[in-house]
PDB file of N, CA and C in Angstrom:
ATOM      1  N   UNK A   1      25.245 -14.975  34.649  1.00  0.00           N
ATOM      2  CA  UNK A   1      24.980 -14.744  33.243  1.00  0.00           C
ATOM      3  C   UNK A   1      24.974 -13.232  32.827  1.00  0.00           C
ATOM      4  N   UNK A   2      25.740 -12.815  31.787  1.00  0.00           N
ATOM      5  CA  UNK A   2      25.802 -11.494  31.451  1.00  0.00           C
ATOM      6  C   UNK A   2      24.529 -11.009  30.781  1.00  0.00           C
ATOM      7  N   UNK A   3      24.047  -9.771  30.956  1.00  0.00           N
ATOM      8  CA  UNK A   3      22.838  -9.220  30.181  1.00  0.00           C
ATOM      9  C   UNK A   3      23.261  -8.998  28.854  1.00  0.00           C
ATOM     10  N   UNK A   4      22.500  -9.286  27.747  1.00  0.00           N
ATOM     11  CA  UNK A   4      22.737  -8.664  26.469  1.00  0.00           C
ATOM     12  C   UNK A   4      21.698  -7.545  26.414  1.00  0.00           C
ATOM     13  N   UNK A   5      22.402  -6.351  26.017  1.00  0.00           N
ATOM     14  CA  UNK A   5      21.643  -5.084  25.733  1.00  0.00           C
ATOM     15  C   UNK A   5      21.129  -5.074  24.366  1.00  0.00           C
ATOM     16  N   UNK A   6      20.061  -4.388  24.170  1.00  0.00           N
ATOM     17  CA  UNK A   6      19.584  -4.246  22.929  1.00  0.00           C
ATOM     18  C   UNK A   6      20.406  -3.213  22.111  1.00  0.00           C
ATOM     19  N   UNK A   7      20.828  -3.454  20.931  1.00  0.00           N
ATOM     20  CA  UNK A   7      21.609  -2.603  20.001  1.00  0.00           C
ATOM     21  C   UNK A   7      20.693  -2.104  18.967  1.00  0.00           C
ATOM     22  N   UNK A   8      20.404  -0.790  18.926  1.00  0.00           N
ATOM     23  CA  UNK A   8      19.406  -0.250  18.012  1.00  0.00           C
ATOM     24  C   UNK A   8      20.098  -0.356  16.538  1.00  0.00           C
ATOM     25  N   UNK A   9      19.257  -0.565  15.605  1.00  0.00           N
ATOM     26  CA  UNK A   9      19.761  -0.667  14.121  1.00  0.00           C
ATOM     27  C   UNK A   9      19.145   0.538  13.473  1.00  0.00           C
ATOM     28  N   UNK A  10      19.948   1.019  12.495  1.00  0.00           N
ATOM     29  CA  UNK A  10      19.472   2.071  11.700  1.00  0.00           C
ATOM     30  C   UNK A  10      19.859   1.881  10.211  1.00  0.00           C
ATOM     31  N   UNK A  11      19.321   2.505   9.234  1.00  0.00           N
ATOM     32  CA  UNK A  11      19.513   2.375   7.879  1.00  0.00           C
ATOM     33  C   UNK A  11      20.317   3.406   7.215  1.00  0.00           C
ATOM     34  N   UNK A  12      21.320   3.069   6.406  1.00  0.00           N
ATOM     35  CA  UNK A  12      22.132   4.203   5.667  1.00  0.00           C
ATOM     36  C   UNK A  12      21.208   4.808   4.557  1.00  0.00           C
ATOM     37  N   UNK A  13      21.241   6.051   4.369  1.00  0.00           N
ATOM     38  CA  UNK A  13      20.516   6.726   3.435  1.00  0.00           C
ATOM     39  C   UNK A  13      20.929   6.442   2.104  1.00  0.00           C
ATOM     40  N   UNK A  14      22.154   6.053   1.888  1.00  0.00           N
ATOM     41  CA  UNK A  14      22.696   5.853   0.711  1.00  0.00           C
ATOM     42  C   UNK A  14      22.691   4.526   0.118  1.00  0.00           C
ATOM     43  N   UNK A  15      23.081   3.492   0.701  1.00  0.00           N
ATOM     44  CA  UNK A  15      23.039   2.118   0.352  1.00  0.00           C
ATOM     45  C   UNK A  15      21.919   1.286   0.960  1.00  0.00           C
ATOM     46  N   UNK A  16      21.095   1.944   1.864  1.00  0.00           N
ATOM     47  CA  UNK A  16      19.922   1.244   2.403  1.00  0.00           C
ATOM     48  C   UNK A  16      20.180  -0.034   3.258  1.00  0.00           C
ATOM     49  N   UNK A  17      21.497  -0.245   3.659  1.00  0.00           N
ATOM     50  CA  UNK A  17      21.847  -1.353   4.523  1.00  0.00           C
ATOM     51  C   UNK A  17      21.665  -1.046   6.046  1.00  0.00           C
ATOM     52  N   UNK A  18      21.031  -1.917   6.683  1.00  0.00           N
ATOM     53  CA  UNK A  18      20.915  -1.715   8.079  1.00  0.00           C
ATOM     54  C   UNK A  18      22.064  -2.162   8.885  1.00  0.00           C
ATOM     55  N   UNK A  19      22.533  -1.379   9.912  1.00  0.00           N
ATOM     56  CA  UNK A  19      23.657  -1.582  10.681  1.00  0.00           C
ATOM     57  C   UNK A  19      23.386  -1.206  12.047  1.00  0.00           C
ATOM     58  N   UNK A  20      24.176  -1.440  12.892  1.00  0.00           N
ATOM     59  CA  UNK A  20      24.225  -1.064  14.320  1.00  0.00           C
ATOM     60  C   UNK A  20      24.378   0.458  14.426  1.00  0.00           C
ATOM     61  N   UNK A  21      23.616   1.153  15.236  1.00  0.00           N
ATOM     62  CA  UNK A  21      23.621   2.616  15.294  1.00  0.00           C
ATOM     63  C   UNK A  21      25.001   3.182  15.460  1.00  0.00           C
ATOM     64  N   UNK A  22      25.889   2.493  16.269  1.00  0.00           N
ATOM     65  CA  UNK A  22      27.171   3.027  16.581  1.00  0.00           C
ATOM     66  C   UNK A  22      28.130   2.817  15.482  1.00  0.00           C
ATOM     67  N   UNK A  23      27.651   2.145  14.380  1.00  0.00           N
ATOM     68  CA  UNK A  23      28.655   1.989  13.306  1.00  0.00           C
ATOM     69  C   UNK A  23      28.288   3.113  12.145  1.00  0.00           C
ATOM     70  N   UNK A  24      27.367   3.852  12.371  1.00  0.00           N
ATOM     71  CA  UNK A  24      26.980   4.900  11.320  1.00  0.00           C
ATOM     72  C   UNK A  24      27.260   6.196  11.836  1.00  0.00           C
ATOM     73  N   UNK A  25      27.319   7.112  10.782  1.00  0.00           N
ATOM     74  CA  UNK A  25      27.707   8.625  11.208  1.00  0.00           C
ATOM     75  C   UNK A  25      26.241   9.288  11.072  1.00  0.00           C
ATOM     76  N   UNK A  26      25.944  10.056  12.099  1.00  0.00           N
ATOM     77  CA  UNK A  26      24.642  10.736  12.097  1.00  0.00           C
ATOM     78  C   UNK A  26      24.810  12.210  11.787  1.00  0.00           C
ATOM     79  N   UNK A  27      24.079  12.674  10.777  1.00  0.00           N
ATOM     80  CA  UNK A  27      24.090  14.043  10.172  1.00  0.00           C
ATOM     81  C   UNK A  27      22.796  14.577  10.039  1.00  0.00           C
ATOM     82  N   UNK A  28      22.762  15.814   9.889  1.00  0.00           N
ATOM     83  CA  UNK A  28      21.489  16.653   9.659  1.00  0.00           C
ATOM     84  C   UNK A  28      21.748  17.760   8.766  1.00  0.00           C
ATOM     85  N   UNK A  29      20.584  18.247   8.075  1.00  0.00           N
ATOM     86  CA  UNK A  29      20.706  19.291   7.195  1.00  0.00           C
ATOM     87  C   UNK A  29      19.961  20.575   7.850  1.00  0.00           C
ATOM     88  N   UNK A  30      20.674  21.619   7.749  1.00  0.00           N
ATOM     89  CA  UNK A  30      20.253  22.922   8.187  1.00  0.00           C
ATOM     90  C   UNK A  30      20.370  24.040   7.216  1.00  0.00           C
ATOM     91  N   UNK A  31      19.231  24.550   6.720  1.00  0.00           N
ATOM     92  CA  UNK A  31      19.241  25.594   5.649  1.00  0.00           C
ATOM     93  C   UNK A  31      20.196  25.233   4.399  1.00  0.00           C
ATOM     94  N   UNK A  32      20.028  23.984   4.057  1.00  0.00           N
ATOM     95  CA  UNK A  32      20.786  23.605   2.713  1.00  0.00           C
ATOM     96  C   UNK A  32      22.326  23.175   3.083  1.00  0.00           C
ATOM     97  N   UNK A  33      22.725  23.320   4.340  1.00  0.00           N
ATOM     98  CA  UNK A  33      24.024  22.925   4.801  1.00  0.00           C
ATOM     99  C   UNK A  33      23.980  21.733   5.524  1.00  0.00           C
ATOM    100  N   UNK A  34      25.191  21.073   5.649  1.00  0.00           N
ATOM    101  CA  UNK A  34      25.347  19.797   6.367  1.00  0.00           C
ATOM    102  C   UNK A  34      26.085  20.077   7.768  1.00  0.00           C
ATOM    103  N   UNK A  35      25.434  19.405   8.855  1.00  0.00           N
ATOM    104  CA  UNK A  35      26.155  19.470  10.158  1.00  0.00           C
ATOM    105  C   UNK A  35      26.114  18.067  10.702  1.00  0.00           C
ATOM    106  N   UNK A  36      26.990  17.863  11.793  1.00  0.00           N
ATOM    107  CA  UNK A  36      27.013  16.674  12.565  1.00  0.00           C
ATOM    108  C   UNK A  36      25.707  16.867  13.474  1.00  0.00           C
ATOM    109  N   UNK A  37      25.043  15.727  13.730  1.00  0.00           N
ATOM    110  CA  UNK A  37      23.830  15.865  14.651  1.00  0.00           C
ATOM    111  C   UNK A  37      24.129  16.446  16.077  1.00  0.00           C
ATOM    112  N   UNK A  38      23.505  17.439  16.395  1.00  0.00           N
ATOM    113  CA  UNK A  38      23.631  18.166  17.585  1.00  0.00           C
ATOM    114  C   UNK A  38      22.674  17.923  18.677  1.00  0.00           C
ATOM    115  N   UNK A  39      21.929  16.918  18.593  1.00  0.00           N
ATOM    116  CA  UNK A  39      21.045  16.590  19.734  1.00  0.00           C
ATOM    117  C   UNK A  39      19.552  17.055  19.548  1.00  0.00           C
ATOM    118  N   UNK A  40      19.294  17.699  18.611  1.00  0.00           N
ATOM    119  CA  UNK A  40      17.952  18.090  18.360  1.00  0.00           C
ATOM    120  C   UNK A  40      17.672  18.116  16.749  1.00  0.00           C
ATOM    121  N   UNK A  41      16.421  18.186  16.393  1.00  0.00           N
ATOM    122  CA  UNK A  41      16.041  18.261  15.032  1.00  0.00           C
ATOM    123  C   UNK A  41      16.042  16.860  14.300  1.00  0.00           C
ATOM    124  N   UNK A  42      15.749  16.920  13.014  1.00  0.00           N
ATOM    125  CA  UNK A  42      15.734  15.680  12.210  1.00  0.00           C
ATOM    126  C   UNK A  42      17.065  15.416  11.671  1.00  0.00           C
ATOM    127  N   UNK A  43      17.389  14.056  11.602  1.00  0.00           N
ATOM    128  CA  UNK A  43      18.667  13.709  11.140  1.00  0.00           C
ATOM    129  C   UNK A  43      18.613  12.401  10.416  1.00  0.00           C
ATOM    130  N   UNK A  44      19.767  12.012   9.872  1.00  0.00           N
ATOM    131  CA  UNK A  44      19.768  10.850   8.990  1.00  0.00           C
ATOM    132  C   UNK A  44      21.219  10.175   9.309  1.00  0.00           C
ATOM    133  N   UNK A  45      21.296   8.880   8.838  1.00  0.00           N
ATOM    134  CA  UNK A  45      22.508   8.108   9.068  1.00  0.00           C
ATOM    135  C   UNK A  45      23.059   7.903   7.749  1.00  0.00           C
ATOM    136  N   UNK A  46      24.542   7.636   7.672  1.00  0.00           N
ATOM    137  CA  UNK A  46      25.133   7.273   6.434  1.00  0.00           C
ATOM    138  C   UNK A  46      26.301   6.446   6.932  1.00  0.00           C
ATOM    139  N   UNK A  47      26.625   5.255   6.257  1.00  0.00           N
ATOM    140  CA  UNK A  47      27.578   4.402   6.705  1.00  0.00           C
ATOM    141  C   UNK A  47      29.061   4.849   6.183  1.00  0.00           C
ATOM    142  N   UNK A  48      30.033   4.253   6.949  1.00  0.00           N
ATOM    143  CA  UNK A  48      31.351   4.743   6.650  1.00  0.00           C
ATOM    144  C   UNK A  48      31.842   4.172   5.309  1.00  0.00           C
ATOM    145  N   UNK A  49      31.359   3.185   4.740  1.00  0.00           N
ATOM    146  CA  UNK A  49      31.642   2.708   3.452  1.00  0.00           C
ATOM    147  C   UNK A  49      31.125   3.726   2.309  1.00  0.00           C
ATOM    148  N   UNK A  50      30.044   4.237   2.549  1.00  0.00           N
ATOM    149  CA  UNK A  50      29.500   5.170   1.527  1.00  0.00           C
ATOM    150  C   UNK A  50      30.000   6.518   1.719  1.00  0.00           C
ATOM    151  N   UNK A  51      30.602   6.964   2.866  1.00  0.00           N
ATOM    152  CA  UNK A  51      31.346   8.134   3.030  1.00  0.00           C
ATOM    153  C   UNK A  51      32.671   8.104   2.208  1.00  0.00           C
ATOM    154  N   UNK A  52      33.294   6.871   2.095  1.00  0.00           N
ATOM    155  CA  UNK A  52      34.592   6.780   1.363  1.00  0.00           C
ATOM    156  C   UNK A  52      34.328   6.949  -0.149  1.00  0.00           C
ATOM    157  N   UNK A  53      33.123   6.651  -0.596  1.00  0.00           N
ATOM    158  CA  UNK A  53      32.785   6.817  -1.978  1.00  0.00           C
ATOM    159  C   UNK A  53      32.069   8.154  -2.128  1.00  0.00           C
ATOM    160  N   UNK A  54      32.794   9.182  -2.481  1.00  0.00           N
ATOM    161  CA  UNK A  54      32.380  10.590  -2.445  1.00  0.00           C
ATOM    162  C   UNK A  54      31.095  10.760  -3.305  1.00  0.00           C
ATOM    163  N   UNK A  55      31.279  10.223  -4.541  1.00  0.00           N
ATOM    164  CA  UNK A  55      30.195  10.526  -5.464  1.00  0.00           C
ATOM    165  C   UNK A  55      28.862   9.932  -5.093  1.00  0.00           C
ATOM    166  N   UNK A  56      28.824   8.670  -4.377  1.00  0.00           N
ATOM    167  CA  UNK A  56      27.756   8.127  -3.943  1.00  0.00           C
ATOM    168  C   UNK A  56      27.158   8.896  -2.613  1.00  0.00           C
ATOM    169  N   UNK A  57      28.092   9.233  -1.873  1.00  0.00           N
ATOM    170  CA  UNK A  57      27.707  10.043  -0.748  1.00  0.00           C
ATOM    171  C   UNK A  57      26.941  11.459  -1.074  1.00  0.00           C
ATOM    172  N   UNK A  58      27.498  12.200  -1.977  1.00  0.00           N
ATOM    173  CA  UNK A  58      27.036  13.377  -2.524  1.00  0.00           C
ATOM    174  C   UNK A  58      25.625  13.186  -3.078  1.00  0.00           C
ATOM    175  N   UNK A  59      25.573  12.191  -3.860  1.00  0.00           N
ATOM    176  CA  UNK A  59      24.226  12.004  -4.455  1.00  0.00           C
ATOM    177  C   UNK A  59      23.075  11.722  -3.469  1.00  0.00           C
ATOM    178  N   UNK A  60      23.387  10.957  -2.366  1.00  0.00           N
ATOM    179  CA  UNK A  60      22.371  10.815  -1.324  1.00  0.00           C
ATOM    180  C   UNK A  60      22.188  12.022  -0.499  1.00  0.00           C
ATOM    181  N   UNK A  61      23.312  12.828  -0.199  1.00  0.00           N
ATOM    182  CA  UNK A  61      23.131  14.002   0.576  1.00  0.00           C
ATOM    183  C   UNK A  61      22.298  15.106  -0.274  1.00  0.00           C
ATOM    184  N   UNK A  62      22.471  15.062  -1.526  1.00  0.00           N
ATOM    185  CA  UNK A  62      21.476  15.975  -2.338  1.00  0.00           C
ATOM    186  C   UNK A  62      20.151  15.603  -2.165  1.00  0.00           C
ATOM    187  N   UNK A  63      19.766  14.228  -2.070  1.00  0.00           N
ATOM    188  CA  UNK A  63      18.521  13.805  -1.937  1.00  0.00           C
ATOM    189  C   UNK A  63      17.954  14.171  -0.529  1.00  0.00           C
ATOM    190  N   UNK A  64      18.729  14.124   0.458  1.00  0.00           N
ATOM    191  CA  UNK A  64      18.341  14.463   1.835  1.00  0.00           C
ATOM    192  C   UNK A  64      18.228  16.057   2.083  1.00  0.00           C
ATOM    193  N   UNK A  65      19.213  16.725   1.503  1.00  0.00           N
ATOM    194  CA  UNK A  65      19.230  18.288   1.848  1.00  0.00           C
ATOM    195  C   UNK A  65      18.655  18.828   0.403  1.00  0.00           C
ATOM    196  N   UNK A  66      17.416  19.003   0.411  1.00  0.00           N
ATOM    197  CA  UNK A  66      16.790  19.390  -0.833  1.00  0.00           C
ATOM    198  C   UNK A  66      17.289  20.612  -1.525  1.00  0.00           C
ATOM    199  N   UNK A  67      17.522  21.677  -0.733  1.00  0.00           N
ATOM    200  CA  UNK A  67      17.946  22.957  -1.321  1.00  0.00           C
ATOM    201  C   UNK A  67      19.446  23.110  -1.068  1.00  0.00           C
ATOM    202  N   UNK A  68      20.336  22.015  -0.954  1.00  0.00           N
ATOM    203  CA  UNK A  68      21.686  22.213  -0.782  1.00  0.00           C
ATOM    204  C   UNK A  68      22.495  22.366  -2.153  1.00  0.00           C
ATOM    205  N   UNK A  69      23.596  22.952  -2.025  1.00  0.00           N
ATOM    206  CA  UNK A  69      24.428  23.180  -3.128  1.00  0.00           C
ATOM    207  C   UNK A  69      25.435  22.104  -3.128  1.00  0.00           C
ATOM    208  N   UNK A  70      25.647  21.347  -4.237  1.00  0.00           N
ATOM    209  CA  UNK A  70      26.634  20.224  -4.290  1.00  0.00           C
ATOM    210  C   UNK A  70      27.947  20.529  -3.945  1.00  0.00           C
ATOM    211  N   UNK A  71      28.537  21.661  -4.258  1.00  0.00           N
ATOM    212  CA  UNK A  71      29.868  21.942  -3.925  1.00  0.00           C
ATOM    213  C   UNK A  71      29.985  22.264  -2.357  1.00  0.00           C
ATOM    214  N   UNK A  72      29.034  22.957  -1.860  1.00  0.00           N
ATOM    215  CA  UNK A  72      28.915  23.147  -0.453  1.00  0.00           C
ATOM    216  C   UNK A  72      28.827  21.855   0.388  1.00  0.00           C
ATOM    217  N   UNK A  73      28.073  21.071   0.010  1.00  0.00           N
ATOM    218  CA  UNK A  73      27.774  19.800   0.704  1.00  0.00           C
ATOM    219  C   UNK A  73      29.160  19.019   0.711  1.00  0.00           C
ATOM    220  N   UNK A  74      29.624  18.936  -0.622  1.00  0.00           N
ATOM    221  CA  UNK A  74      31.125  18.212  -0.630  1.00  0.00           C
ATOM    222  C   UNK A  74      32.043  18.858   0.331  1.00  0.00           C
ATOM    223  N   UNK A  75      32.184  20.060   0.403  1.00  0.00           N
ATOM    224  CA  UNK A  75      33.171  20.606   1.277  1.00  0.00           C
ATOM    225  C   UNK A  75      33.008  20.338   2.599  1.00  0.00           C
ATOM    226  N   UNK A  76      31.633  20.496   3.058  1.00  0.00           N
ATOM    227  CA  UNK A  76      31.233  20.324   4.398  1.00  0.00           C
ATOM    228  C   UNK A  76      31.332  18.887   4.816  1.00  0.00           C
ATOM    229  N   UNK A  77      31.039  18.045   3.876  1.00  0.00           N
ATOM    230  CA  UNK A  77      31.216  16.603   4.373  1.00  0.00           C
ATOM    231  C   UNK A  77      32.704  16.120   4.551  1.00  0.00           C
ATOM    232  N   UNK A  78      33.629  16.588   3.717  1.00  0.00           N
ATOM    233  CA  UNK A  78      35.146  16.560   3.832  1.00  0.00           C
ATOM    234  C   UNK A  78      35.519  17.115   5.360  1.00  0.00           C
ATOM    235  N   UNK A  79      34.917  18.326   5.782  1.00  0.00           N
ATOM    236  CA  UNK A  79      35.171  18.834   7.009  1.00  0.00           C
ATOM    237  C   UNK A  79      34.875  17.874   8.082  1.00  0.00           C
ATOM    238  N   UNK A  80      33.611  17.329   8.036  1.00  0.00           N
ATOM    239  CA  UNK A  80      33.005  16.493   9.019  1.00  0.00           C
ATOM    240  C   UNK A  80      33.761  15.225   9.269  1.00  0.00           C
ATOM    241  N   UNK A  81      34.155  14.525   8.044  1.00  0.00           N
ATOM    242  CA  UNK A  81      34.920  13.393   8.004  1.00  0.00           C
ATOM    243  C   UNK A  81      36.384  13.660   8.734  1.00  0.00           C
ATOM    244  N   UNK A  82      37.005  14.853   8.430  1.00  0.00           N
ATOM    245  CA  UNK A  82      38.276  15.050   8.947  1.00  0.00           C
ATOM    246  C   UNK A  82      38.161  15.221  10.498  1.00  0.00           C
ATOM    247  N   UNK A  83      37.134  15.898  10.899  1.00  0.00           N
ATOM    248  CA  UNK A  83      37.003  16.135  12.329  1.00  0.00           C
ATOM    249  C   UNK A  83      36.510  14.804  13.034  1.00  0.00           C
ATOM    250  N   UNK A  84      35.952  13.889  12.414  1.00  0.00           N
ATOM    251  CA  UNK A  84      35.531  12.608  12.916  1.00  0.00           C
ATOM    252  C   UNK A  84      36.634  11.712  13.355  1.00  0.00           C
ATOM    253  N   UNK A  85      37.744  11.732  12.530  1.00  0.00           N
ATOM    254  CA  UNK A  85      38.934  10.927  12.629  1.00  0.00           C
ATOM    255  C   UNK A  85      39.624  11.347  13.743  1.00  0.00           C
TER     256      UNK A  85
END
């Protein structure tokens, strides 16, 4: 009988839907800028469906990155999505 391993669940900051951790993108805010998670510091998860809806994603990122610039966050998000693919 094969062992079933525990799959951690996390919640998207935009749509608040819980999903498996490997189905979400993990990001973090540093000095008002957006970065992919680098292994240390506080981070958050956002689902791939919300990333496709730019308006919804930017709104949730503005909430997470309190002192972030809307245009800067939008450009950085596009960079991260392009690198992820």
